Amino acid sequence: MTRDEVRALAFLAFLVALSVAVRLWAAPDHAALRADIASIEALDAASQSELGENEERARPLAEGETLDPNRAGAAELDRLPGVGPATAERIVAARDSAPFRAAEELLRVRGIGPATLEKLRPFLDLGGTPATASRGPTALAAAGGAGAEGAGERGERLVDVNGAGPDALQVLPGIGPALAARIIAHRDSAGPFRSVEDLLEVRGIGPATLERLRGRVRLP
């Protein structure tokens, strides 16, 4: 979602708020009022989530900063030179099928050619354990898998987002170091996550990332 679309969403929330005020002034209807307030809150949460993801995409890479294409989320990958939103999503989809073992394997991603690959090389870090290299308990233990237990529908180990450390959280699709740190900071300040949807409150996690997390996380 572009900044203009986010602004449009915020303007829509304003219009809903205005309709609530008019309805309350004209003929108070508490049930309808509660529904309108819920709509405003939902719109505001969606706009804040998208704005946070857009800010992450626009943040330039710091000097010496590198990203692991097997762990970074689409918003982080979008920060790489020559990689736009569509290519970032294709990188995530490609690594879910088979993790990248070398920089040259990024050439299998549509939209990345030899010239783009050379731009990316200085910013790639393939030294970490790929997030999808193994689905078994050994890989999670090696990643500091505190809070990882149970199994998902396809046999993946579930990660407890309320107890996992940063390394274990990075096993999840679309979660890199920055998002893992924000998840931990959010649960430390706001308390444990009660539902998967609560992850939308973490800056940088939008609807697309949330859908990839469904069935991969464990909650109380």
N, C-alpha and C. Protein backbone atom coordinates (compact mmCIF):
# COMPACT_ATOMS: atom_id res chain seq x y z
N MET A 1 0.85 -1.19 0.00
CA MET A 1 0.00 0.00 0.00
C MET A 1 0.89 1.25 0.00
N THR A 2 0.61 2.19 -0.92
CA THR A 2 1.40 3.40 -1.00
C THR A 2 0.99 4.37 0.09
N ARG A 3 1.82 5.44 0.27
CA ARG A 3 1.49 6.45 1.27
C ARG A 3 0.17 7.13 0.94
N ASP A 4 -0.10 7.32 -0.38
CA ASP A 4 -1.37 7.94 -0.77
C ASP A 4 -2.55 7.04 -0.36
N GLU A 5 -2.36 5.73 -0.52
CA GLU A 5 -3.43 4.81 -0.13
C GLU A 5 -3.63 4.82 1.38
N VAL A 6 -2.53 4.93 2.12
CA VAL A 6 -2.63 5.01 3.58
C VAL A 6 -3.37 6.27 3.98
N ARG A 7 -3.03 7.38 3.33
CA ARG A 7 -3.74 8.63 3.62
C ARG A 7 -5.23 8.50 3.30
N ALA A 8 -5.54 7.82 2.18
CA ALA A 8 -6.95 7.62 1.81
C ALA A 8 -7.67 6.79 2.86
N LEU A 9 -6.96 5.78 3.40
CA LEU A 9 -7.55 4.94 4.44
C LEU A 9 -7.81 5.76 5.70
N ALA A 10 -6.86 6.63 6.04
CA ALA A 10 -7.03 7.49 7.22
C ALA A 10 -8.20 8.45 7.01
N PHE A 11 -8.33 8.97 5.77
CA PHE A 11 -9.44 9.88 5.48
C PHE A 11 -10.78 9.15 5.59
N LEU A 12 -10.80 7.87 5.16
CA LEU A 12 -12.01 7.08 5.28
C LEU A 12 -12.38 6.89 6.75
N ALA A 13 -11.36 6.67 7.59
CA ALA A 13 -11.61 6.54 9.03
C ALA A 13 -12.20 7.84 9.58
N PHE A 14 -11.72 8.98 9.08
CA PHE A 14 -12.25 10.28 9.51
C PHE A 14 -13.72 10.41 9.13
N LEU A 15 -14.05 9.98 7.91
CA LEU A 15 -15.44 10.06 7.46
C LEU A 15 -16.35 9.19 8.32
N VAL A 16 -15.86 7.99 8.68
CA VAL A 16 -16.65 7.12 9.55
C VAL A 16 -16.86 7.79 10.90
N ALA A 17 -15.79 8.40 11.44
CA ALA A 17 -15.90 9.09 12.73
C ALA A 17 -16.91 10.23 12.64
N LEU A 18 -16.89 10.92 11.52
CA LEU A 18 -17.84 12.02 11.33
C LEU A 18 -19.27 11.49 11.32
N SER A 19 -19.47 10.33 10.66
CA SER A 19 -20.83 9.77 10.61
C SER A 19 -21.29 9.37 12.01
N VAL A 20 -20.35 8.89 12.84
CA VAL A 20 -20.69 8.54 14.23
C VAL A 20 -21.16 9.78 14.98
N ALA A 21 -20.45 10.88 14.81
CA ALA A 21 -20.81 12.12 15.50
C ALA A 21 -22.19 12.60 15.07
N VAL A 22 -22.47 12.52 13.77
CA VAL A 22 -23.78 12.97 13.26
C VAL A 22 -24.89 12.08 13.81
N ARG A 23 -24.64 10.76 13.81
CA ARG A 23 -25.66 9.83 14.31
C ARG A 23 -25.93 10.06 15.80
N LEU A 24 -24.86 10.29 16.54
CA LEU A 24 -25.02 10.52 17.98
C LEU A 24 -25.79 11.79 18.25
N TRP A 25 -25.55 12.82 17.45
CA TRP A 25 -26.24 14.10 17.63
C TRP A 25 -27.71 13.99 17.23
N ALA A 26 -27.98 13.22 16.16
CA ALA A 26 -29.35 13.14 15.64
C ALA A 26 -30.23 12.20 16.46
N ALA A 27 -29.81 10.98 16.62
CA ALA A 27 -30.63 9.99 17.33
C ALA A 27 -29.71 8.90 17.85
N PRO A 28 -29.29 8.96 19.09
CA PRO A 28 -28.33 8.00 19.62
C PRO A 28 -28.82 6.56 19.48
N ASP A 29 -28.02 5.73 18.87
CA ASP A 29 -28.29 4.30 18.71
C ASP A 29 -27.03 3.59 19.19
N HIS A 30 -27.09 3.09 20.43
CA HIS A 30 -25.86 2.58 21.04
C HIS A 30 -25.28 1.38 20.31
N ALA A 31 -26.13 0.49 19.80
CA ALA A 31 -25.62 -0.69 19.08
C ALA A 31 -24.91 -0.26 17.80
N ALA A 32 -25.55 0.66 17.06
CA ALA A 32 -24.93 1.14 15.82
C ALA A 32 -23.67 1.93 16.13
N LEU A 33 -23.71 2.67 17.24
CA LEU A 33 -22.55 3.46 17.64
C LEU A 33 -21.36 2.55 17.93
N ARG A 34 -21.61 1.45 18.66
CA ARG A 34 -20.53 0.52 18.96
C ARG A 34 -19.95 -0.08 17.68
N ALA A 35 -20.83 -0.38 16.72
CA ALA A 35 -20.38 -0.95 15.44
C ALA A 35 -19.51 0.05 14.69
N ASP A 36 -19.91 1.32 14.72
CA ASP A 36 -19.12 2.35 14.03
C ASP A 36 -17.76 2.54 14.69
N ILE A 37 -17.75 2.51 16.02
CA ILE A 37 -16.48 2.66 16.74
C ILE A 37 -15.55 1.51 16.41
N ALA A 38 -16.11 0.28 16.33
CA ALA A 38 -15.30 -0.88 15.96
C ALA A 38 -14.74 -0.72 14.56
N SER A 39 -15.53 -0.15 13.65
CA SER A 39 -15.06 0.07 12.28
C SER A 39 -13.91 1.07 12.27
N ILE A 40 -14.03 2.12 13.06
CA ILE A 40 -12.96 3.12 13.13
C ILE A 40 -11.67 2.48 13.65
N GLU A 41 -11.80 1.69 14.71
CA GLU A 41 -10.62 1.06 15.30
C GLU A 41 -9.96 0.11 14.31
N ALA A 42 -10.78 -0.64 13.55
CA ALA A 42 -10.23 -1.57 12.56
C ALA A 42 -9.51 -0.82 11.46
N LEU A 43 -10.10 0.27 10.98
CA LEU A 43 -9.47 1.06 9.93
C LEU A 43 -8.17 1.68 10.42
N ASP A 44 -8.19 2.18 11.65
CA ASP A 44 -6.99 2.80 12.21
C ASP A 44 -5.87 1.76 12.36
N ALA A 45 -6.22 0.56 12.84
CA ALA A 45 -5.21 -0.49 13.01
C ALA A 45 -4.62 -0.88 11.66
N ALA A 46 -5.48 -1.00 10.65
CA ALA A 46 -4.99 -1.37 9.32
C ALA A 46 -4.08 -0.30 8.74
N SER A 47 -4.47 0.97 8.90
CA SER A 47 -3.65 2.05 8.35
C SER A 47 -2.31 2.15 9.07
N GLN A 48 -2.31 1.96 10.41
CA GLN A 48 -1.06 2.01 11.16
C GLN A 48 -0.15 0.87 10.78
N SER A 49 -0.72 -0.32 10.57
CA SER A 49 0.08 -1.48 10.18
C SER A 49 0.73 -1.26 8.82
N GLU A 50 -0.07 -0.79 7.86
CA GLU A 50 0.46 -0.55 6.52
C GLU A 50 1.48 0.56 6.52
N LEU A 51 1.24 1.61 7.33
CA LEU A 51 2.19 2.71 7.40
C LEU A 51 3.53 2.23 7.97
N GLY A 52 3.45 1.37 9.01
CA GLY A 52 4.68 0.82 9.58
C GLY A 52 5.45 0.00 8.58
N GLU A 53 4.74 -0.81 7.78
CA GLU A 53 5.41 -1.62 6.77
C GLU A 53 6.01 -0.74 5.68
N ASN A 54 5.31 0.32 5.30
CA ASN A 54 5.85 1.24 4.29
C ASN A 54 7.10 1.95 4.80
N GLU A 55 7.10 2.32 6.09
CA GLU A 55 8.27 2.96 6.67
C GLU A 55 9.47 2.02 6.67
N GLU A 56 9.20 0.73 6.95
CA GLU A 56 10.28 -0.26 6.92
C GLU A 56 10.86 -0.38 5.52
N ARG A 57 9.99 -0.39 4.50
CA ARG A 57 10.44 -0.51 3.12
C ARG A 57 11.27 0.71 2.69
N ALA A 58 10.91 1.88 3.19
CA ALA A 58 11.58 3.11 2.78
C ALA A 58 12.88 3.37 3.54
N ARG A 59 13.11 2.63 4.63
CA ARG A 59 14.31 2.88 5.45
C ARG A 59 15.56 2.44 4.70
N PRO A 60 16.50 3.34 4.41
CA PRO A 60 17.70 2.95 3.66
C PRO A 60 18.60 2.03 4.47
N LEU A 61 19.34 1.20 3.77
CA LEU A 61 20.29 0.31 4.43
C LEU A 61 21.43 1.13 5.04
N ALA A 62 21.77 0.83 6.27
CA ALA A 62 22.87 1.52 6.93
C ALA A 62 24.20 1.01 6.37
N GLU A 63 25.24 1.77 6.58
CA GLU A 63 26.56 1.37 6.10
C GLU A 63 26.96 0.04 6.75
N GLY A 64 27.28 -0.93 5.91
CA GLY A 64 27.69 -2.23 6.41
C GLY A 64 26.55 -3.17 6.75
N GLU A 65 25.30 -2.70 6.64
CA GLU A 65 24.15 -3.54 6.98
C GLU A 65 23.92 -4.57 5.88
N THR A 66 23.63 -5.79 6.27
CA THR A 66 23.33 -6.86 5.33
C THR A 66 22.02 -7.54 5.74
N LEU A 67 21.43 -8.24 4.79
CA LEU A 67 20.18 -8.96 5.04
C LEU A 67 20.33 -10.41 4.59
N ASP A 68 19.73 -11.30 5.34
CA ASP A 68 19.70 -12.71 4.98
C ASP A 68 18.44 -12.96 4.17
N PRO A 69 18.55 -13.28 2.87
CA PRO A 69 17.35 -13.47 2.05
C PRO A 69 16.52 -14.68 2.48
N ASN A 70 17.08 -15.53 3.35
CA ASN A 70 16.32 -16.67 3.85
C ASN A 70 15.52 -16.35 5.10
N ARG A 71 15.74 -15.16 5.68
CA ARG A 71 15.07 -14.81 6.93
C ARG A 71 14.34 -13.48 6.86
N ALA A 72 14.86 -12.52 6.14
CA ALA A 72 14.26 -11.18 6.13
C ALA A 72 12.86 -11.22 5.54
N GLY A 73 11.98 -10.38 6.08
CA GLY A 73 10.63 -10.26 5.55
C GLY A 73 10.62 -9.47 4.25
N ALA A 74 9.48 -9.51 3.56
CA ALA A 74 9.36 -8.82 2.27
C ALA A 74 9.63 -7.32 2.41
N ALA A 75 9.17 -6.72 3.52
CA ALA A 75 9.39 -5.29 3.72
C ALA A 75 10.88 -4.98 3.85
N GLU A 76 11.63 -5.86 4.52
CA GLU A 76 13.07 -5.65 4.64
C GLU A 76 13.78 -5.88 3.30
N LEU A 77 13.39 -6.93 2.59
CA LEU A 77 14.01 -7.25 1.31
C LEU A 77 13.79 -6.14 0.29
N ASP A 78 12.67 -5.43 0.41
CA ASP A 78 12.36 -4.32 -0.49
C ASP A 78 13.40 -3.20 -0.37
N ARG A 79 14.15 -3.18 0.73
CA ARG A 79 15.16 -2.15 0.94
C ARG A 79 16.42 -2.41 0.13
N LEU A 80 16.59 -3.63 -0.39
CA LEU A 80 17.78 -3.96 -1.17
C LEU A 80 17.77 -3.25 -2.51
N PRO A 81 18.94 -2.86 -3.03
CA PRO A 81 18.99 -2.16 -4.32
C PRO A 81 18.48 -3.03 -5.46
N GLY A 82 17.60 -2.47 -6.25
CA GLY A 82 17.08 -3.19 -7.40
C GLY A 82 15.93 -4.13 -7.08
N VAL A 83 15.51 -4.16 -5.81
CA VAL A 83 14.41 -5.05 -5.39
C VAL A 83 13.20 -4.20 -5.02
N GLY A 84 12.11 -4.37 -5.72
CA GLY A 84 10.87 -3.68 -5.40
C GLY A 84 9.94 -4.60 -4.65
N PRO A 85 8.72 -4.14 -4.34
CA PRO A 85 7.77 -4.95 -3.59
C PRO A 85 7.46 -6.30 -4.23
N ALA A 86 7.25 -6.31 -5.55
CA ALA A 86 6.90 -7.56 -6.23
C ALA A 86 8.04 -8.55 -6.17
N THR A 87 9.26 -8.10 -6.44
CA THR A 87 10.42 -8.99 -6.41
C THR A 87 10.68 -9.48 -4.99
N ALA A 88 10.47 -8.62 -3.99
CA ALA A 88 10.64 -9.03 -2.59
C ALA A 88 9.70 -10.17 -2.25
N GLU A 89 8.45 -10.07 -2.69
CA GLU A 89 7.48 -11.14 -2.43
C GLU A 89 7.89 -12.42 -3.15
N ARG A 90 8.46 -12.28 -4.36
CA ARG A 90 8.89 -13.47 -5.10
C ARG A 90 10.09 -14.14 -4.43
N ILE A 91 10.96 -13.35 -3.81
CA ILE A 91 12.09 -13.92 -3.07
C ILE A 91 11.58 -14.77 -1.91
N VAL A 92 10.59 -14.24 -1.18
CA VAL A 92 10.01 -14.97 -0.06
C VAL A 92 9.36 -16.26 -0.54
N ALA A 93 8.62 -16.20 -1.66
CA ALA A 93 7.95 -17.39 -2.19
C ALA A 93 8.98 -18.43 -2.64
N ALA A 94 10.08 -17.96 -3.26
CA ALA A 94 11.10 -18.89 -3.76
C ALA A 94 11.83 -19.59 -2.61
N ARG A 95 12.13 -18.87 -1.55
CA ARG A 95 12.86 -19.50 -0.44
C ARG A 95 11.98 -20.47 0.34
N ASP A 96 10.65 -20.25 0.30
CA ASP A 96 9.74 -21.18 0.96
C ASP A 96 9.77 -22.53 0.25
N SER A 97 10.05 -22.51 -1.06
CA SER A 97 10.17 -23.76 -1.81
C SER A 97 11.54 -24.40 -1.58
N ALA A 98 12.57 -23.59 -1.60
CA ALA A 98 13.94 -24.09 -1.37
C ALA A 98 14.80 -22.91 -0.94
N PRO A 99 15.44 -22.97 0.23
CA PRO A 99 16.26 -21.86 0.71
C PRO A 99 17.45 -21.60 -0.20
N PHE A 100 17.90 -20.36 -0.19
CA PHE A 100 19.06 -19.97 -0.99
C PHE A 100 20.34 -20.40 -0.28
N ARG A 101 21.19 -21.14 -0.98
CA ARG A 101 22.46 -21.59 -0.40
C ARG A 101 23.63 -20.71 -0.84
N ALA A 102 23.44 -19.99 -1.93
CA ALA A 102 24.48 -19.09 -2.45
C ALA A 102 23.79 -17.93 -3.13
N ALA A 103 24.51 -16.82 -3.26
CA ALA A 103 23.92 -15.62 -3.87
C ALA A 103 23.42 -15.90 -5.28
N GLU A 104 24.14 -16.77 -6.02
CA GLU A 104 23.76 -17.05 -7.40
C GLU A 104 22.37 -17.68 -7.50
N GLU A 105 21.91 -18.32 -6.45
CA GLU A 105 20.59 -18.95 -6.50
C GLU A 105 19.46 -17.94 -6.55
N LEU A 106 19.76 -16.69 -6.24
CA LEU A 106 18.73 -15.65 -6.38
C LEU A 106 18.37 -15.41 -7.84
N LEU A 107 19.17 -15.89 -8.75
CA LEU A 107 18.88 -15.73 -10.18
C LEU A 107 17.63 -16.51 -10.58
N ARG A 108 17.21 -17.47 -9.75
CA ARG A 108 15.99 -18.19 -10.08
C ARG A 108 14.73 -17.39 -9.75
N VAL A 109 14.91 -16.26 -9.12
CA VAL A 109 13.78 -15.39 -8.80
C VAL A 109 13.49 -14.48 -9.99
N ARG A 110 12.29 -14.54 -10.49
CA ARG A 110 11.93 -13.68 -11.62
C ARG A 110 12.10 -12.21 -11.25
N GLY A 111 12.80 -11.48 -12.09
CA GLY A 111 13.07 -10.07 -11.82
C GLY A 111 14.48 -9.81 -11.35
N ILE A 112 15.23 -10.88 -11.02
CA ILE A 112 16.63 -10.72 -10.63
C ILE A 112 17.51 -11.33 -11.72
N GLY A 113 18.25 -10.47 -12.39
CA GLY A 113 19.20 -10.91 -13.41
C GLY A 113 20.62 -10.70 -12.94
N PRO A 114 21.60 -11.01 -13.77
CA PRO A 114 23.01 -10.87 -13.38
C PRO A 114 23.38 -9.48 -12.90
N ALA A 115 22.86 -8.43 -13.57
CA ALA A 115 23.20 -7.06 -13.17
C ALA A 115 22.64 -6.74 -11.78
N THR A 116 21.39 -7.13 -11.54
CA THR A 116 20.79 -6.89 -10.23
C THR A 116 21.51 -7.69 -9.15
N LEU A 117 21.89 -8.92 -9.47
CA LEU A 117 22.60 -9.76 -8.50
C LEU A 117 23.90 -9.10 -8.05
N GLU A 118 24.62 -8.50 -8.98
CA GLU A 118 25.88 -7.84 -8.61
C GLU A 118 25.64 -6.65 -7.68
N LYS A 119 24.51 -5.97 -7.85
CA LYS A 119 24.17 -4.87 -6.93
C LYS A 119 23.85 -5.41 -5.54
N LEU A 120 23.27 -6.61 -5.50
CA LEU A 120 22.83 -7.18 -4.23
C LEU A 120 23.97 -7.79 -3.42
N ARG A 121 24.98 -8.31 -4.07
CA ARG A 121 26.03 -9.08 -3.40
C ARG A 121 26.56 -8.43 -2.12
N PRO A 122 26.91 -7.13 -2.14
CA PRO A 122 27.49 -6.54 -0.92
C PRO A 122 26.52 -6.49 0.27
N PHE A 123 25.22 -6.66 -0.03
CA PHE A 123 24.21 -6.50 1.03
C PHE A 123 23.60 -7.83 1.47
N LEU A 124 24.12 -8.94 0.95
CA LEU A 124 23.56 -10.25 1.27
C LEU A 124 24.39 -10.95 2.34
N ASP A 125 23.70 -11.61 3.24
CA ASP A 125 24.35 -12.41 4.28
C ASP A 125 23.69 -13.78 4.28
N LEU A 126 24.39 -14.76 3.73
CA LEU A 126 23.86 -16.12 3.66
C LEU A 126 24.54 -17.03 4.66
N GLY A 127 25.14 -16.44 5.70
CA GLY A 127 25.89 -17.23 6.67
C GLY A 127 25.03 -17.85 7.75
N GLY A 128 23.78 -17.33 7.94
CA GLY A 128 22.92 -17.84 9.01
C GLY A 128 22.21 -19.11 8.60
N THR A 129 21.56 -19.74 9.55
CA THR A 129 20.77 -20.93 9.26
C THR A 129 19.50 -20.51 8.53
N PRO A 130 19.25 -21.02 7.31
CA PRO A 130 18.05 -20.62 6.57
C PRO A 130 16.79 -20.96 7.35
N ALA A 131 15.83 -20.07 7.24
CA ALA A 131 14.61 -20.26 8.02
C ALA A 131 13.85 -21.51 7.61
N THR A 132 13.98 -21.91 6.33
CA THR A 132 13.22 -23.07 5.85
C THR A 132 14.12 -24.25 5.54
N ALA A 133 15.37 -24.23 6.03
CA ALA A 133 16.30 -25.31 5.71
C ALA A 133 15.85 -26.61 6.33
N SER A 134 15.24 -26.54 7.52
CA SER A 134 14.78 -27.75 8.19
C SER A 134 13.56 -27.42 9.01
N ARG A 135 12.62 -28.34 9.06
CA ARG A 135 11.40 -28.13 9.82
C ARG A 135 11.43 -28.89 11.14
N GLY A 136 12.50 -29.62 11.41
CA GLY A 136 12.54 -30.48 12.58
C GLY A 136 12.97 -29.77 13.82
N PRO A 137 12.88 -30.45 14.98
CA PRO A 137 13.24 -29.85 16.26
C PRO A 137 14.71 -29.52 16.37
N THR A 138 15.59 -30.24 15.63
CA THR A 138 17.02 -29.95 15.71
C THR A 138 17.32 -28.55 15.22
N ALA A 139 16.69 -28.16 14.09
CA ALA A 139 16.94 -26.83 13.54
C ALA A 139 16.47 -25.76 14.50
N LEU A 140 15.31 -25.98 15.14
CA LEU A 140 14.81 -24.98 16.06
C LEU A 140 15.68 -24.89 17.30
N ALA A 141 16.18 -26.00 17.76
CA ALA A 141 17.06 -25.97 18.93
C ALA A 141 18.33 -25.22 18.61
N ALA A 142 18.84 -25.40 17.39
CA ALA A 142 20.06 -24.69 17.00
C ALA A 142 19.80 -23.20 16.91
N ALA A 143 18.55 -22.83 16.63
CA ALA A 143 18.20 -21.42 16.51
C ALA A 143 17.83 -20.82 17.86
N GLY A 144 18.08 -21.53 18.95
CA GLY A 144 17.70 -21.00 20.26
C GLY A 144 16.21 -21.10 20.43
N GLY A 145 15.64 -22.26 20.08
CA GLY A 145 14.19 -22.39 19.92
C GLY A 145 13.42 -22.44 21.21
N ALA A 146 13.65 -21.54 22.14
CA ALA A 146 12.81 -21.48 23.33
C ALA A 146 11.39 -21.17 22.92
N GLY A 147 10.45 -21.92 23.48
CA GLY A 147 9.05 -21.66 23.18
C GLY A 147 8.57 -22.37 21.94
N ALA A 148 9.41 -23.20 21.29
CA ALA A 148 8.97 -23.91 20.10
C ALA A 148 8.48 -25.28 20.50
N GLU A 149 7.21 -25.55 20.28
CA GLU A 149 6.68 -26.87 20.58
C GLU A 149 5.40 -27.08 19.81
N GLY A 150 5.01 -28.35 19.66
CA GLY A 150 3.84 -28.67 18.87
C GLY A 150 4.20 -28.71 17.40
N ALA A 151 3.22 -29.06 16.58
CA ALA A 151 3.45 -29.15 15.14
C ALA A 151 2.28 -28.54 14.40
N GLY A 152 2.59 -27.89 13.26
CA GLY A 152 1.55 -27.28 12.45
C GLY A 152 0.91 -28.31 11.54
N GLU A 153 0.01 -27.83 10.66
CA GLU A 153 -0.75 -28.72 9.80
C GLU A 153 0.16 -29.49 8.85
N ARG A 154 1.28 -28.90 8.42
CA ARG A 154 2.18 -29.57 7.48
C ARG A 154 3.39 -30.15 8.18
N GLY A 155 3.33 -30.27 9.50
CA GLY A 155 4.43 -30.89 10.23
C GLY A 155 5.47 -29.92 10.73
N GLU A 156 5.33 -28.60 10.46
CA GLU A 156 6.31 -27.65 10.95
C GLU A 156 6.19 -27.51 12.46
N ARG A 157 7.29 -27.27 13.11
CA ARG A 157 7.27 -27.02 14.54
C ARG A 157 6.67 -25.64 14.79
N LEU A 158 5.79 -25.55 15.75
CA LEU A 158 5.16 -24.27 16.09
C LEU A 158 6.08 -23.47 17.00
N VAL A 159 6.05 -22.17 16.85
CA VAL A 159 6.86 -21.27 17.66
C VAL A 159 5.95 -20.47 18.59
N ASP A 160 6.25 -20.49 19.86
CA ASP A 160 5.49 -19.73 20.85
C ASP A 160 5.96 -18.27 20.81
N VAL A 161 5.16 -17.40 20.21
CA VAL A 161 5.57 -16.01 20.05
C VAL A 161 5.60 -15.26 21.38
N ASN A 162 5.03 -15.85 22.42
CA ASN A 162 5.06 -15.21 23.73
C ASN A 162 6.25 -15.66 24.58
N GLY A 163 7.00 -16.65 24.09
CA GLY A 163 8.13 -17.13 24.87
C GLY A 163 9.41 -17.29 24.09
N ALA A 164 9.33 -17.28 22.76
CA ALA A 164 10.51 -17.52 21.93
C ALA A 164 11.48 -16.34 21.97
N GLY A 165 12.76 -16.66 21.87
CA GLY A 165 13.79 -15.63 21.78
C GLY A 165 13.94 -15.15 20.34
N PRO A 166 14.83 -14.19 20.11
CA PRO A 166 14.97 -13.61 18.76
C PRO A 166 15.37 -14.63 17.70
N ASP A 167 16.28 -15.56 18.02
CA ASP A 167 16.71 -16.54 17.02
C ASP A 167 15.57 -17.48 16.65
N ALA A 168 14.80 -17.92 17.65
CA ALA A 168 13.67 -18.82 17.37
C ALA A 168 12.60 -18.12 16.55
N LEU A 169 12.35 -16.84 16.82
CA LEU A 169 11.35 -16.09 16.06
C LEU A 169 11.75 -15.96 14.60
N GLN A 170 13.05 -15.88 14.33
CA GLN A 170 13.51 -15.72 12.96
C GLN A 170 13.35 -16.99 12.12
N VAL A 171 12.98 -18.09 12.76
CA VAL A 171 12.66 -19.30 12.01
C VAL A 171 11.34 -19.11 11.26
N LEU A 172 10.50 -18.21 11.75
CA LEU A 172 9.20 -17.97 11.13
C LEU A 172 9.34 -17.26 9.79
N PRO A 173 8.49 -17.58 8.82
CA PRO A 173 8.58 -16.92 7.51
C PRO A 173 8.29 -15.42 7.61
N GLY A 174 9.14 -14.64 6.98
CA GLY A 174 8.93 -13.19 6.96
C GLY A 174 9.43 -12.46 8.18
N ILE A 175 10.04 -13.17 9.14
CA ILE A 175 10.53 -12.52 10.35
C ILE A 175 12.05 -12.48 10.34
N GLY A 176 12.58 -11.27 10.24
CA GLY A 176 14.02 -11.07 10.31
C GLY A 176 14.41 -10.51 11.67
N PRO A 177 15.67 -10.12 11.82
CA PRO A 177 16.13 -9.61 13.13
C PRO A 177 15.34 -8.42 13.64
N ALA A 178 15.02 -7.47 12.74
CA ALA A 178 14.31 -6.26 13.18
C ALA A 178 12.91 -6.59 13.68
N LEU A 179 12.18 -7.41 12.93
CA LEU A 179 10.82 -7.75 13.35
C LEU A 179 10.82 -8.62 14.61
N ALA A 180 11.80 -9.51 14.72
CA ALA A 180 11.89 -10.34 15.92
C ALA A 180 12.07 -9.45 17.16
N ALA A 181 12.93 -8.44 17.04
CA ALA A 181 13.16 -7.52 18.16
C ALA A 181 11.89 -6.74 18.50
N ARG A 182 11.12 -6.36 17.48
CA ARG A 182 9.90 -5.60 17.73
C ARG A 182 8.83 -6.48 18.38
N ILE A 183 8.76 -7.75 17.98
CA ILE A 183 7.80 -8.67 18.59
C ILE A 183 8.09 -8.79 20.09
N ILE A 184 9.37 -8.96 20.42
CA ILE A 184 9.75 -9.10 21.83
C ILE A 184 9.47 -7.81 22.60
N ALA A 185 9.81 -6.66 21.99
CA ALA A 185 9.59 -5.38 22.66
C ALA A 185 8.10 -5.14 22.88
N HIS A 186 7.27 -5.53 21.90
CA HIS A 186 5.83 -5.32 22.04
C HIS A 186 5.25 -6.17 23.16
N ARG A 187 5.63 -7.45 23.20
CA ARG A 187 5.06 -8.31 24.24
C ARG A 187 5.58 -7.92 25.62
N ASP A 188 6.79 -7.35 25.69
CA ASP A 188 7.31 -6.89 26.98
C ASP A 188 6.57 -5.66 27.48
N SER A 189 6.13 -4.81 26.55
CA SER A 189 5.46 -3.56 26.95
C SER A 189 3.94 -3.71 27.05
N ALA A 190 3.34 -4.49 26.14
CA ALA A 190 1.88 -4.59 26.08
C ALA A 190 1.34 -5.90 26.63
N GLY A 191 2.21 -6.81 26.97
CA GLY A 191 1.74 -8.10 27.48
C GLY A 191 1.69 -9.14 26.38
N PRO A 192 1.37 -10.39 26.71
CA PRO A 192 1.40 -11.47 25.73
C PRO A 192 0.36 -11.30 24.63
N PHE A 193 0.66 -11.86 23.48
CA PHE A 193 -0.28 -11.88 22.36
C PHE A 193 -1.39 -12.89 22.68
N ARG A 194 -2.64 -12.48 22.47
CA ARG A 194 -3.78 -13.35 22.76
C ARG A 194 -4.29 -14.05 21.51
N SER A 195 -4.02 -13.49 20.35
CA SER A 195 -4.45 -14.09 19.09
C SER A 195 -3.43 -13.76 18.02
N VAL A 196 -3.47 -14.49 16.92
CA VAL A 196 -2.55 -14.23 15.82
C VAL A 196 -2.73 -12.80 15.30
N GLU A 197 -3.98 -12.33 15.29
CA GLU A 197 -4.25 -10.97 14.78
C GLU A 197 -3.55 -9.90 15.61
N ASP A 198 -3.25 -10.19 16.87
CA ASP A 198 -2.56 -9.21 17.71
C ASP A 198 -1.18 -8.87 17.16
N LEU A 199 -0.62 -9.75 16.34
CA LEU A 199 0.70 -9.48 15.75
C LEU A 199 0.66 -8.29 14.79
N LEU A 200 -0.53 -7.93 14.31
CA LEU A 200 -0.65 -6.75 13.44
C LEU A 200 -0.29 -5.47 14.18
N GLU A 201 -0.28 -5.52 15.52
CA GLU A 201 0.08 -4.34 16.30
C GLU A 201 1.59 -4.09 16.27
N VAL A 202 2.35 -5.06 15.79
CA VAL A 202 3.80 -4.92 15.70
C VAL A 202 4.14 -4.20 14.40
N ARG A 203 4.85 -3.09 14.50
CA ARG A 203 5.20 -2.32 13.30
C ARG A 203 6.03 -3.18 12.35
N GLY A 204 5.59 -3.23 11.10
CA GLY A 204 6.29 -4.02 10.09
C GLY A 204 5.59 -5.32 9.75
N ILE A 205 4.61 -5.72 10.57
CA ILE A 205 3.83 -6.92 10.26
C ILE A 205 2.49 -6.48 9.68
N GLY A 206 2.31 -6.76 8.41
CA GLY A 206 1.07 -6.42 7.74
C GLY A 206 0.27 -7.67 7.44
N PRO A 207 -0.87 -7.52 6.75
CA PRO A 207 -1.74 -8.67 6.47
C PRO A 207 -1.03 -9.81 5.73
N ALA A 208 -0.14 -9.47 4.77
CA ALA A 208 0.54 -10.52 4.00
C ALA A 208 1.45 -11.35 4.90
N THR A 209 2.23 -10.67 5.74
CA THR A 209 3.11 -11.40 6.67
C THR A 209 2.29 -12.21 7.66
N LEU A 210 1.18 -11.63 8.14
CA LEU A 210 0.34 -12.33 9.10
C LEU A 210 -0.17 -13.65 8.53
N GLU A 211 -0.57 -13.65 7.25
CA GLU A 211 -1.09 -14.87 6.65
C GLU A 211 -0.01 -15.95 6.58
N ARG A 212 1.25 -15.54 6.37
CA ARG A 212 2.34 -16.53 6.34
C ARG A 212 2.60 -17.10 7.73
N LEU A 213 2.24 -16.35 8.76
CA LEU A 213 2.49 -16.81 10.13
C LEU A 213 1.39 -17.73 10.65
N ARG A 214 0.21 -17.66 10.06
CA ARG A 214 -0.89 -18.51 10.53
C ARG A 214 -0.51 -19.98 10.41
N GLY A 215 -0.77 -20.72 11.42
CA GLY A 215 -0.44 -22.14 11.41
C GLY A 215 1.01 -22.43 11.75
N ARG A 216 1.81 -21.37 11.99
CA ARG A 216 3.22 -21.55 12.33
C ARG A 216 3.54 -21.07 13.75
N VAL A 217 2.58 -20.42 14.40
CA VAL A 217 2.82 -19.89 15.74
C VAL A 217 1.89 -20.56 16.74
N ARG A 218 2.35 -20.61 17.99
CA ARG A 218 1.54 -21.17 19.07
C ARG A 218 1.21 -20.06 20.04
N LEU A 219 -0.06 -20.00 20.44
CA LEU A 219 -0.54 -19.00 21.39
C LEU A 219 -1.29 -19.71 22.51
N PRO A 220 -1.46 -19.03 23.67
CA PRO A 220 -2.18 -19.66 24.80
C PRO A 220 -3.58 -20.10 24.39
